[in-house]
Amino acid sequence: MDALLDPIRGDFGLTTLISLTVVGAGCGAVGVWILQFGRAFLAESLTHALLPGLVAASLFGASLVIGALAGVLLAYVATLAFSRAPKTSAAASTSVTVTTLVAGGALIAASSDSGYAAFESLLFGNPVAATRVDLAAGALLLAGVTVTLWLAHERFGALAFDPAAAVSLRVSVSRVQAVLLLVIVCAVAAAVNVTGSLPALALLVGPAIAADALCTRIGRGVWIAALAGAICGAGALYLSYYADWPAGASVAITCTAAAAAASCLRRTHRSSARTGVVAQR
């Protein structure tokens, strides 16, 4: 019992555990749709592009969730502006936006003596420093994401698997894509608020990869990814405590390990099935 309770004792342990579990579950569920729609590059870009908003919020003492949302909104507007240039693809405009905003975040950090320390913390994360306000903001954000995923599940599924049929069923492609973008933005804001900019992508994609390897049904996969994300978030706290590793890096390690383990399990199952078929013949 001491081994289970020691990491969550103290002023921040239980808050950190709840925060990582809640955010992990929400990001895992969103990650399934990120993979289905091929939006991993977009999610990765957003985790970096919101740095100016995060740095500004940190320097002025505002909520990091608000800073993340403001940073993502700035990134979205900048991407649209760059994409209107002649012969500019969406990937090119996104790349320019990300590099510009990361540089902007570094410049904002350089304007203050404590800016560089805040910039490093925002890059690599410090879940142990999560406050109850951060927990409440992240939980509220992910509650909205959960409701949105439940309401838009059928439309997401129709557009992901058969876009032509979705149009014939009067599913608005532009509206579904706009809702998906909003869900990704909220999930990224919640993840970055807890894990930092760099490990956030692992929390969004790792549990979803594990669910995809273990399940072929999208509805069940969302629940499996949410469970995997919650386990990875909680496991990261224990890994950080006992291995004395940074908490943000521990999140990335547990999510990557979950994806790798599920993939290996799937390959082993397929190999065993093939061996059984051969033996029957």
C-alpha atoms as a PDB file:
ATOM      1  CA  MET A   1       0.000   0.000   0.000  1.00  0.00           C
ATOM      2  CA  ASP A   2       2.860   2.373   0.730  1.00  0.00           C
ATOM      3  CA  ALA A   3       4.178   1.832  -2.795  1.00  0.00           C
ATOM      4  CA  LEU A   4       0.779   2.864  -4.187  1.00  0.00           C
ATOM      5  CA  LEU A   5       0.177   5.789  -1.850  1.00  0.00           C
ATOM      6  CA  ASP A   6       3.613   7.397  -1.619  1.00  0.00           C
ATOM      7  CA  PRO A   7       3.496   9.083  -5.072  1.00  0.00           C
ATOM      8  CA  ILE A   8       0.127  10.722  -4.361  1.00  0.00           C
ATOM      9  CA  ARG A   9       0.874  11.918  -0.846  1.00  0.00           C
ATOM     10  CA  GLY A  10       1.678  15.549  -0.228  1.00  0.00           C
ATOM     11  CA  ASP A  11       0.200  18.786  -1.472  1.00  0.00           C
ATOM     12  CA  PHE A  12       0.317  18.058  -5.217  1.00  0.00           C
ATOM     13  CA  GLY A  13       0.330  14.284  -5.649  1.00  0.00           C
ATOM     14  CA  LEU A  14      -3.410  13.595  -5.691  1.00  0.00           C
ATOM     15  CA  THR A  15      -4.168  16.659  -7.823  1.00  0.00           C
ATOM     16  CA  THR A  16      -1.519  15.588 -10.312  1.00  0.00           C
ATOM     17  CA  LEU A  17      -2.867  12.030 -10.465  1.00  0.00           C
ATOM     18  CA  ILE A  18      -6.435  13.193 -11.121  1.00  0.00           C
ATOM     19  CA  SER A  19      -5.273  15.733 -13.678  1.00  0.00           C
ATOM     20  CA  LEU A  20      -3.165  13.242 -15.624  1.00  0.00           C
ATOM     21  CA  THR A  21      -5.919  10.610 -15.508  1.00  0.00           C
ATOM     22  CA  VAL A  22      -8.688  12.947 -16.674  1.00  0.00           C
ATOM     23  CA  VAL A  23      -6.619  14.599 -19.402  1.00  0.00           C
ATOM     24  CA  GLY A  24      -5.252  11.236 -20.523  1.00  0.00           C
ATOM     25  CA  ALA A  25      -8.742   9.789 -20.915  1.00  0.00           C
ATOM     26  CA  GLY A  26     -10.025  12.774 -22.905  1.00  0.00           C
ATOM     27  CA  CYS A  27      -6.990  12.995 -25.154  1.00  0.00           C
ATOM     28  CA  GLY A  28      -7.074   9.255 -25.813  1.00  0.00           C
ATOM     29  CA  ALA A  29     -10.657   9.473 -27.045  1.00  0.00           C
ATOM     30  CA  VAL A  30      -9.892  12.449 -29.294  1.00  0.00           C
ATOM     31  CA  GLY A  31      -6.761  10.724 -30.576  1.00  0.00           C
ATOM     32  CA  VAL A  32      -8.833   7.976 -32.203  1.00  0.00           C
ATOM     33  CA  TRP A  33     -10.440  10.538 -34.512  1.00  0.00           C
ATOM     34  CA  ILE A  34      -7.098  12.269 -35.066  1.00  0.00           C
ATOM     35  CA  LEU A  35      -5.787   9.006 -36.500  1.00  0.00           C
ATOM     36  CA  GLN A  36      -8.950   8.227 -38.469  1.00  0.00           C
ATOM     37  CA  PHE A  37      -8.924  11.613 -40.199  1.00  0.00           C
ATOM     38  CA  GLY A  38      -5.127  11.724 -40.601  1.00  0.00           C
ATOM     39  CA  ARG A  39      -4.746  14.871 -38.480  1.00  0.00           C
ATOM     40  CA  ALA A  40      -1.651  13.850 -36.496  1.00  0.00           C
ATOM     41  CA  PHE A  41       0.521  16.450 -38.235  1.00  0.00           C
ATOM     42  CA  LEU A  42      -2.073  19.121 -37.469  1.00  0.00           C
ATOM     43  CA  ALA A  43      -2.153  18.136 -33.788  1.00  0.00           C
ATOM     44  CA  GLU A  44       1.645  18.128 -33.622  1.00  0.00           C
ATOM     45  CA  SER A  45       1.769  21.567 -35.220  1.00  0.00           C
ATOM     46  CA  LEU A  46      -0.775  22.988 -32.792  1.00  0.00           C
ATOM     47  CA  THR A  47       1.167  21.743 -29.762  1.00  0.00           C
ATOM     48  CA  HIS A  48       4.100  23.918 -30.871  1.00  0.00           C
ATOM     49  CA  ALA A  49       2.236  26.837 -32.390  1.00  0.00           C
ATOM     50  CA  LEU A  50       0.466  27.777 -29.161  1.00  0.00           C
ATOM     51  CA  LEU A  51       3.742  28.569 -27.364  1.00  0.00           C
ATOM     52  CA  PRO A  52       3.358  32.390 -27.604  1.00  0.00           C
ATOM     53  CA  GLY A  53      -0.003  32.194 -25.845  1.00  0.00           C
ATOM     54  CA  LEU A  54       1.380  29.855 -23.178  1.00  0.00           C
ATOM     55  CA  VAL A  55       4.446  32.013 -22.509  1.00  0.00           C
ATOM     56  CA  ALA A  56       2.352  35.181 -22.299  1.00  0.00           C
ATOM     57  CA  ALA A  57      -0.104  33.523 -19.906  1.00  0.00           C
ATOM     58  CA  SER A  58       2.759  32.285 -17.744  1.00  0.00           C
ATOM     59  CA  LEU A  59       4.426  35.695 -17.553  1.00  0.00           C
ATOM     60  CA  PHE A  60       1.187  37.528 -16.711  1.00  0.00           C
ATOM     61  CA  GLY A  61      -0.004  34.893 -14.232  1.00  0.00           C
ATOM     62  CA  ALA A  62      -3.068  33.901 -16.255  1.00  0.00           C
ATOM     63  CA  SER A  63      -4.452  30.397 -16.682  1.00  0.00           C
ATOM     64  CA  LEU A  64      -2.404  28.264 -19.058  1.00  0.00           C
ATOM     65  CA  VAL A  65      -5.603  26.857 -20.563  1.00  0.00           C
ATOM     66  CA  ILE A  66      -6.647  30.366 -21.614  1.00  0.00           C
ATOM     67  CA  GLY A  67      -3.165  31.003 -22.976  1.00  0.00           C
ATOM     68  CA  ALA A  68      -3.240  27.736 -24.912  1.00  0.00           C
ATOM     69  CA  LEU A  69      -6.621  28.519 -26.455  1.00  0.00           C
ATOM     70  CA  ALA A  70      -5.460  32.017 -27.400  1.00  0.00           C
ATOM     71  CA  GLY A  71      -2.279  30.577 -28.919  1.00  0.00           C
ATOM     72  CA  VAL A  72      -4.188  28.002 -30.958  1.00  0.00           C
ATOM     73  CA  LEU A  73      -6.578  30.665 -32.224  1.00  0.00           C
ATOM     74  CA  LEU A  74      -3.608  32.780 -33.291  1.00  0.00           C
ATOM     75  CA  ALA A  75      -2.094  29.769 -35.049  1.00  0.00           C
ATOM     76  CA  TYR A  76      -5.339  29.062 -36.879  1.00  0.00           C
ATOM     77  CA  VAL A  77      -5.656  32.651 -38.123  1.00  0.00           C
ATOM     78  CA  ALA A  78      -1.993  32.752 -39.158  1.00  0.00           C
ATOM     79  CA  THR A  79      -2.317  29.461 -41.056  1.00  0.00           C
ATOM     80  CA  LEU A  80      -5.312  30.773 -42.978  1.00  0.00           C
ATOM     81  CA  ALA A  81      -3.406  33.952 -43.824  1.00  0.00           C
ATOM     82  CA  PHE A  82      -0.348  32.075 -45.109  1.00  0.00           C
ATOM     83  CA  SER A  83      -2.455  29.569 -47.062  1.00  0.00           C
ATOM     84  CA  ARG A  84      -3.934  32.373 -49.179  1.00  0.00           C
ATOM     85  CA  ALA A  85      -0.539  33.082 -50.727  1.00  0.00           C
ATOM     86  CA  PRO A  86      -0.273  31.864 -54.367  1.00  0.00           C
ATOM     87  CA  LYS A  87       0.844  28.236 -54.828  1.00  0.00           C
ATOM     88  CA  THR A  88       1.008  27.597 -51.075  1.00  0.00           C
ATOM     89  CA  SER A  89      -0.180  24.224 -49.803  1.00  0.00           C
ATOM     90  CA  ALA A  90      -1.750  23.619 -46.429  1.00  0.00           C
ATOM     91  CA  ALA A  91       1.353  21.755 -45.238  1.00  0.00           C
ATOM     92  CA  ALA A  92       3.616  24.623 -46.283  1.00  0.00           C
ATOM     93  CA  SER A  93       1.470  27.271 -44.588  1.00  0.00           C
ATOM     94  CA  THR A  94       1.299  25.159 -41.424  1.00  0.00           C
ATOM     95  CA  SER A  95       5.083  24.726 -41.371  1.00  0.00           C
ATOM     96  CA  VAL A  96       5.663  28.451 -41.752  1.00  0.00           C
ATOM     97  CA  THR A  97       3.124  29.222 -39.035  1.00  0.00           C
ATOM     98  CA  VAL A  98       4.645  26.766 -36.556  1.00  0.00           C
ATOM     99  CA  THR A  99       8.220  27.979 -36.986  1.00  0.00           C
ATOM    100  CA  THR A 100       7.138  31.623 -36.815  1.00  0.00           C
ATOM    101  CA  LEU A 101       5.101  31.165 -33.651  1.00  0.00           C
ATOM    102  CA  VAL A 102       7.765  29.064 -31.894  1.00  0.00           C
ATOM    103  CA  ALA A 103      10.239  31.854 -32.584  1.00  0.00           C
ATOM    104  CA  GLY A 104       7.667  34.340 -31.310  1.00  0.00           C
ATOM    105  CA  GLY A 105       7.305  32.378 -28.093  1.00  0.00           C
ATOM    106  CA  ALA A 106      11.072  32.404 -27.604  1.00  0.00           C
ATOM    107  CA  LEU A 107      11.177  36.163 -28.156  1.00  0.00           C
ATOM    108  CA  ILE A 108       8.403  36.739 -25.624  1.00  0.00           C
ATOM    109  CA  ALA A 109      10.272  34.566 -23.130  1.00  0.00           C
ATOM    110  CA  ALA A 110      13.453  36.592 -23.722  1.00  0.00           C
ATOM    111  CA  SER A 111      11.670  39.789 -22.692  1.00  0.00           C
ATOM    112  CA  SER A 112      11.636  38.719 -19.034  1.00  0.00           C
ATOM    113  CA  ASP A 113      14.287  37.422 -16.636  1.00  0.00           C
ATOM    114  CA  SER A 114      12.072  34.478 -15.700  1.00  0.00           C
ATOM    115  CA  GLY A 115      10.907  33.947 -19.255  1.00  0.00           C
ATOM    116  CA  TYR A 116      13.456  31.303 -20.233  1.00  0.00           C
ATOM    117  CA  ALA A 117      12.642  29.166 -17.183  1.00  0.00           C
ATOM    118  CA  ALA A 118       8.952  29.433 -18.023  1.00  0.00           C
ATOM    119  CA  PHE A 119       9.665  28.600 -21.680  1.00  0.00           C
ATOM    120  CA  GLU A 120      11.554  25.435 -20.751  1.00  0.00           C
ATOM    121  CA  SER A 121       8.812  24.373 -18.358  1.00  0.00           C
ATOM    122  CA  LEU A 122       6.164  24.895 -21.037  1.00  0.00           C
ATOM    123  CA  LEU A 123       8.148  22.846 -23.553  1.00  0.00           C
ATOM    124  CA  PHE A 124       8.781  19.816 -21.357  1.00  0.00           C
ATOM    125  CA  GLY A 125       5.916  20.173 -18.899  1.00  0.00           C
ATOM    126  CA  ASN A 126       5.612  19.963 -15.137  1.00  0.00           C
ATOM    127  CA  PRO A 127       2.423  18.051 -14.249  1.00  0.00           C
ATOM    128  CA  VAL A 128       3.379  18.071 -10.563  1.00  0.00           C
ATOM    129  CA  ALA A 129       2.802  21.829 -10.534  1.00  0.00           C
ATOM    130  CA  ALA A 130      -0.802  21.489 -11.701  1.00  0.00           C
ATOM    131  CA  THR A 131      -3.157  23.451  -9.472  1.00  0.00           C
ATOM    132  CA  ARG A 132      -6.800  22.857  -8.685  1.00  0.00           C
ATOM    133  CA  VAL A 133      -7.666  25.703 -11.035  1.00  0.00           C
ATOM    134  CA  ASP A 134      -5.790  23.949 -13.853  1.00  0.00           C
ATOM    135  CA  LEU A 135      -7.553  20.707 -12.978  1.00  0.00           C
ATOM    136  CA  ALA A 136     -10.970  22.367 -13.017  1.00  0.00           C
ATOM    137  CA  ALA A 137     -10.264  24.142 -16.313  1.00  0.00           C
ATOM    138  CA  GLY A 138      -8.979  20.971 -17.956  1.00  0.00           C
ATOM    139  CA  ALA A 139     -11.910  18.905 -16.671  1.00  0.00           C
ATOM    140  CA  LEU A 140     -14.420  21.474 -17.938  1.00  0.00           C
ATOM    141  CA  LEU A 141     -12.715  21.598 -21.315  1.00  0.00           C
ATOM    142  CA  LEU A 142     -12.665  17.829 -21.663  1.00  0.00           C
ATOM    143  CA  ALA A 143     -16.271  17.532 -20.506  1.00  0.00           C
ATOM    144  CA  GLY A 144     -17.238  19.671 -23.483  1.00  0.00           C
ATOM    145  CA  VAL A 145     -15.052  17.510 -25.728  1.00  0.00           C
ATOM    146  CA  THR A 146     -16.734  14.333 -24.444  1.00  0.00           C
ATOM    147  CA  VAL A 147     -20.230  15.667 -25.101  1.00  0.00           C
ATOM    148  CA  THR A 148     -19.190  16.833 -28.573  1.00  0.00           C
ATOM    149  CA  LEU A 149     -17.697  13.440 -29.440  1.00  0.00           C
ATOM    150  CA  TRP A 150     -20.877  11.689 -28.308  1.00  0.00           C
ATOM    151  CA  LEU A 151     -23.149  13.991 -30.330  1.00  0.00           C
ATOM    152  CA  ALA A 152     -20.974  13.946 -33.463  1.00  0.00           C
ATOM    153  CA  HIS A 153     -19.993  10.265 -33.368  1.00  0.00           C
ATOM    154  CA  GLU A 154     -22.162   9.160 -36.283  1.00  0.00           C
ATOM    155  CA  ARG A 155     -21.173  12.111 -38.469  1.00  0.00           C
ATOM    156  CA  PHE A 156     -17.491  11.604 -37.708  1.00  0.00           C
ATOM    157  CA  GLY A 157     -17.785   7.909 -38.551  1.00  0.00           C
ATOM    158  CA  ALA A 158     -19.650   8.534 -41.799  1.00  0.00           C
ATOM    159  CA  LEU A 159     -17.124  11.089 -43.022  1.00  0.00           C
ATOM    160  CA  ALA A 160     -14.087   9.078 -41.914  1.00  0.00           C
ATOM    161  CA  PHE A 161     -15.081   5.790 -43.595  1.00  0.00           C
ATOM    162  CA  ASP A 162     -17.131   6.841 -46.623  1.00  0.00           C
ATOM    163  CA  PRO A 163     -17.024  10.562 -47.514  1.00  0.00           C
ATOM    164  CA  ALA A 164     -19.162  10.058 -50.645  1.00  0.00           C
ATOM    165  CA  ALA A 165     -21.910   8.318 -48.703  1.00  0.00           C
ATOM    166  CA  ALA A 166     -21.678  10.959 -45.977  1.00  0.00           C
ATOM    167  CA  VAL A 167     -22.441  13.686 -48.510  1.00  0.00           C
ATOM    168  CA  SER A 168     -25.403  11.724 -49.846  1.00  0.00           C
ATOM    169  CA  LEU A 169     -26.696  11.426 -46.268  1.00  0.00           C
ATOM    170  CA  ARG A 170     -26.609  15.219 -46.026  1.00  0.00           C
ATOM    171  CA  VAL A 171     -23.643  15.314 -43.671  1.00  0.00           C
ATOM    172  CA  SER A 172     -22.017  18.737 -43.977  1.00  0.00           C
ATOM    173  CA  VAL A 173     -18.327  18.104 -44.587  1.00  0.00           C
ATOM    174  CA  SER A 174     -17.297  21.644 -43.686  1.00  0.00           C
ATOM    175  CA  ARG A 175     -19.233  21.586 -40.408  1.00  0.00           C
ATOM    176  CA  VAL A 176     -17.875  18.198 -39.378  1.00  0.00           C
ATOM    177  CA  GLN A 177     -14.328  19.304 -40.131  1.00  0.00           C
ATOM    178  CA  ALA A 178     -14.871  22.519 -38.175  1.00  0.00           C
ATOM    179  CA  VAL A 179     -16.174  20.555 -35.180  1.00  0.00           C
ATOM    180  CA  LEU A 180     -13.232  18.147 -35.430  1.00  0.00           C
ATOM    181  CA  LEU A 181     -10.803  21.080 -35.469  1.00  0.00           C
ATOM    182  CA  LEU A 182     -12.487  22.556 -32.392  1.00  0.00           C
ATOM    183  CA  VAL A 183     -12.251  19.220 -30.566  1.00  0.00           C
ATOM    184  CA  ILE A 184      -8.558  18.866 -31.455  1.00  0.00           C
ATOM    185  CA  VAL A 185      -7.873  22.440 -30.319  1.00  0.00           C
ATOM    186  CA  CYS A 186      -9.528  21.843 -26.937  1.00  0.00           C
ATOM    187  CA  ALA A 187      -7.730  18.515 -26.452  1.00  0.00           C
ATOM    188  CA  VAL A 188      -4.359  20.054 -27.344  1.00  0.00           C
ATOM    189  CA  ALA A 189      -4.963  22.943 -24.935  1.00  0.00           C
ATOM    190  CA  ALA A 190      -5.813  20.543 -22.114  1.00  0.00           C
ATOM    191  CA  ALA A 191      -2.859  18.242 -22.862  1.00  0.00           C
ATOM    192  CA  VAL A 192      -0.288  21.028 -23.123  1.00  0.00           C
ATOM    193  CA  ASN A 193      -1.554  22.553 -19.895  1.00  0.00           C
ATOM    194  CA  VAL A 194      -0.592  19.355 -18.057  1.00  0.00           C
ATOM    195  CA  THR A 195       2.229  17.675 -19.981  1.00  0.00           C
ATOM    196  CA  GLY A 196       3.950  20.538 -21.792  1.00  0.00           C
ATOM    197  CA  SER A 197       4.207  21.227 -25.500  1.00  0.00           C
ATOM    198  CA  LEU A 198       6.555  18.436 -26.591  1.00  0.00           C
ATOM    199  CA  PRO A 199       5.064  15.378 -24.763  1.00  0.00           C
ATOM    200  CA  ALA A 200       1.465  16.390 -25.545  1.00  0.00           C
ATOM    201  CA  LEU A 201       1.400  14.665 -28.930  1.00  0.00           C
ATOM    202  CA  ALA A 202       2.289  11.322 -27.333  1.00  0.00           C
ATOM    203  CA  LEU A 203      -0.724  11.620 -25.025  1.00  0.00           C
ATOM    204  CA  LEU A 204      -2.964  12.396 -27.991  1.00  0.00           C
ATOM    205  CA  VAL A 205      -1.709   9.666 -30.319  1.00  0.00           C
ATOM    206  CA  GLY A 206      -0.139   6.896 -28.200  1.00  0.00           C
ATOM    207  CA  PRO A 207      -3.315   5.559 -26.527  1.00  0.00           C
ATOM    208  CA  ALA A 208      -5.178   5.834 -29.844  1.00  0.00           C
ATOM    209  CA  ILE A 209      -2.536   3.705 -31.590  1.00  0.00           C
ATOM    210  CA  ALA A 210      -2.857   1.125 -28.818  1.00  0.00           C
ATOM    211  CA  ALA A 211      -6.644   1.063 -29.195  1.00  0.00           C
ATOM    212  CA  ASP A 212      -6.381   0.735 -32.969  1.00  0.00           C
ATOM    213  CA  ALA A 213      -4.107  -2.278 -32.554  1.00  0.00           C
ATOM    214  CA  LEU A 214      -6.470  -3.977 -30.108  1.00  0.00           C
ATOM    215  CA  CYS A 215      -9.861  -3.199 -31.616  1.00  0.00           C
ATOM    216  CA  THR A 216     -11.351  -2.853 -35.096  1.00  0.00           C
ATOM    217  CA  ARG A 217     -14.623  -1.153 -34.097  1.00  0.00           C
ATOM    218  CA  ILE A 218     -14.374   2.611 -33.841  1.00  0.00           C
ATOM    219  CA  GLY A 219     -16.950   2.977 -31.062  1.00  0.00           C
ATOM    220  CA  ARG A 220     -15.249   0.462 -28.824  1.00  0.00           C
ATOM    221  CA  GLY A 221     -11.878   1.863 -29.827  1.00  0.00           C
ATOM    222  CA  VAL A 222     -12.772   5.275 -28.401  1.00  0.00           C
ATOM    223  CA  TRP A 223     -13.489   3.734 -25.007  1.00  0.00           C
ATOM    224  CA  ILE A 224     -10.329   1.612 -25.094  1.00  0.00           C
ATOM    225  CA  ALA A 225      -8.240   4.659 -26.039  1.00  0.00           C
ATOM    226  CA  ALA A 226      -9.788   6.668 -23.186  1.00  0.00           C
ATOM    227  CA  LEU A 227      -8.982   3.879 -20.725  1.00  0.00           C
ATOM    228  CA  ALA A 228      -5.447   3.537 -22.111  1.00  0.00           C
ATOM    229  CA  GLY A 229      -4.915   7.290 -21.857  1.00  0.00           C
ATOM    230  CA  ALA A 230      -6.059   7.324 -18.233  1.00  0.00           C
ATOM    231  CA  ILE A 231      -3.758   4.400 -17.376  1.00  0.00           C
ATOM    232  CA  CYS A 232      -0.825   6.028 -19.169  1.00  0.00           C
ATOM    233  CA  GLY A 233      -1.406   9.307 -17.341  1.00  0.00           C
ATOM    234  CA  ALA A 234      -1.581   7.639 -13.935  1.00  0.00           C
ATOM    235  CA  GLY A 235       1.334   5.358 -14.758  1.00  0.00           C
ATOM    236  CA  ALA A 236       3.466   8.347 -15.733  1.00  0.00           C
ATOM    237  CA  LEU A 237       3.182   9.752 -12.221  1.00  0.00           C
ATOM    238  CA  TYR A 238       4.432   6.510 -10.666  1.00  0.00           C
ATOM    239  CA  LEU A 239       7.199   6.169 -13.255  1.00  0.00           C
ATOM    240  CA  SER A 240       8.317   9.727 -12.585  1.00  0.00           C
ATOM    241  CA  TYR A 241       8.277   9.183  -8.823  1.00  0.00           C
ATOM    242  CA  TYR A 242      10.161   5.890  -8.652  1.00  0.00           C
ATOM    243  CA  ALA A 243      12.557   6.399 -11.576  1.00  0.00           C
ATOM    244  CA  ASP A 244      13.177  10.047 -10.649  1.00  0.00           C
ATOM    245  CA  TRP A 245      12.453  11.133 -14.208  1.00  0.00           C
ATOM    246  CA  PRO A 246      10.750  14.343 -15.381  1.00  0.00           C
ATOM    247  CA  ALA A 247       6.995  13.947 -15.299  1.00  0.00           C
ATOM    248  CA  GLY A 248       6.450  15.273 -18.842  1.00  0.00           C
ATOM    249  CA  ALA A 249       8.949  12.819 -20.296  1.00  0.00           C
ATOM    250  CA  SER A 250       7.375  10.004 -18.282  1.00  0.00           C
ATOM    251  CA  VAL A 251       4.019  10.718 -19.953  1.00  0.00           C
ATOM    252  CA  ALA A 252       5.591  10.366 -23.393  1.00  0.00           C
ATOM    253  CA  ILE A 253       7.345   7.136 -22.358  1.00  0.00           C
ATOM    254  CA  THR A 254       4.221   5.453 -20.969  1.00  0.00           C
ATOM    255  CA  CYS A 255       2.133   6.411 -24.024  1.00  0.00           C
ATOM    256  CA  THR A 256       4.794   5.185 -26.429  1.00  0.00           C
ATOM    257  CA  ALA A 257       5.194   1.970 -24.450  1.00  0.00           C
ATOM    258  CA  ALA A 258       1.433   1.356 -24.555  1.00  0.00           C
ATOM    259  CA  ALA A 259       1.345   1.807 -28.333  1.00  0.00           C
ATOM    260  CA  ALA A 260       4.368  -0.480 -28.827  1.00  0.00           C
ATOM    261  CA  ALA A 261       3.005  -3.168 -26.478  1.00  0.00           C
ATOM    262  CA  ALA A 262      -0.398  -3.216 -28.179  1.00  0.00           C
ATOM    263  CA  SER A 263       1.214  -3.431 -31.623  1.00  0.00           C
ATOM    264  CA  CYS A 264       3.413  -6.334 -30.512  1.00  0.00           C
ATOM    265  CA  LEU A 265       0.402  -8.089 -28.985  1.00  0.00           C
ATOM    266  CA  ARG A 266      -1.511  -7.742 -32.227  1.00  0.00           C
ATOM    267  CA  ARG A 267       1.372  -9.171 -34.260  1.00  0.00           C
ATOM    268  CA  THR A 268       1.726 -12.067 -31.830  1.00  0.00           C
ATOM    269  CA  HIS A 269      -1.998 -12.793 -32.069  1.00  0.00           C
ATOM    270  CA  ARG A 270      -1.889 -12.743 -35.872  1.00  0.00           C
ATOM    271  CA  SER A 271       1.147 -15.004 -35.904  1.00  0.00           C
ATOM    272  CA  SER A 272      -0.564 -17.470 -33.566  1.00  0.00           C
ATOM    273  CA  ALA A 273      -3.715 -17.424 -35.699  1.00  0.00           C
ATOM    274  CA  ARG A 274      -1.729 -18.160 -38.839  1.00  0.00           C
ATOM    275  CA  THR A 275       0.122 -20.970 -37.100  1.00  0.00           C
ATOM    276  CA  GLY A 276      -3.213 -22.489 -36.007  1.00  0.00           C
ATOM    277  CA  VAL A 277      -4.577 -22.325 -39.541  1.00  0.00           C
ATOM    278  CA  VAL A 278      -1.486 -24.018 -40.927  1.00  0.00           C
ATOM    279  CA  ALA A 279      -1.683 -26.718 -38.252  1.00  0.00           C
ATOM    280  CA  GLN A 280      -5.331 -27.444 -39.103  1.00  0.00           C
ATOM    281  CA  ARG A 281      -4.442 -27.866 -42.742  1.00  0.00           C
END
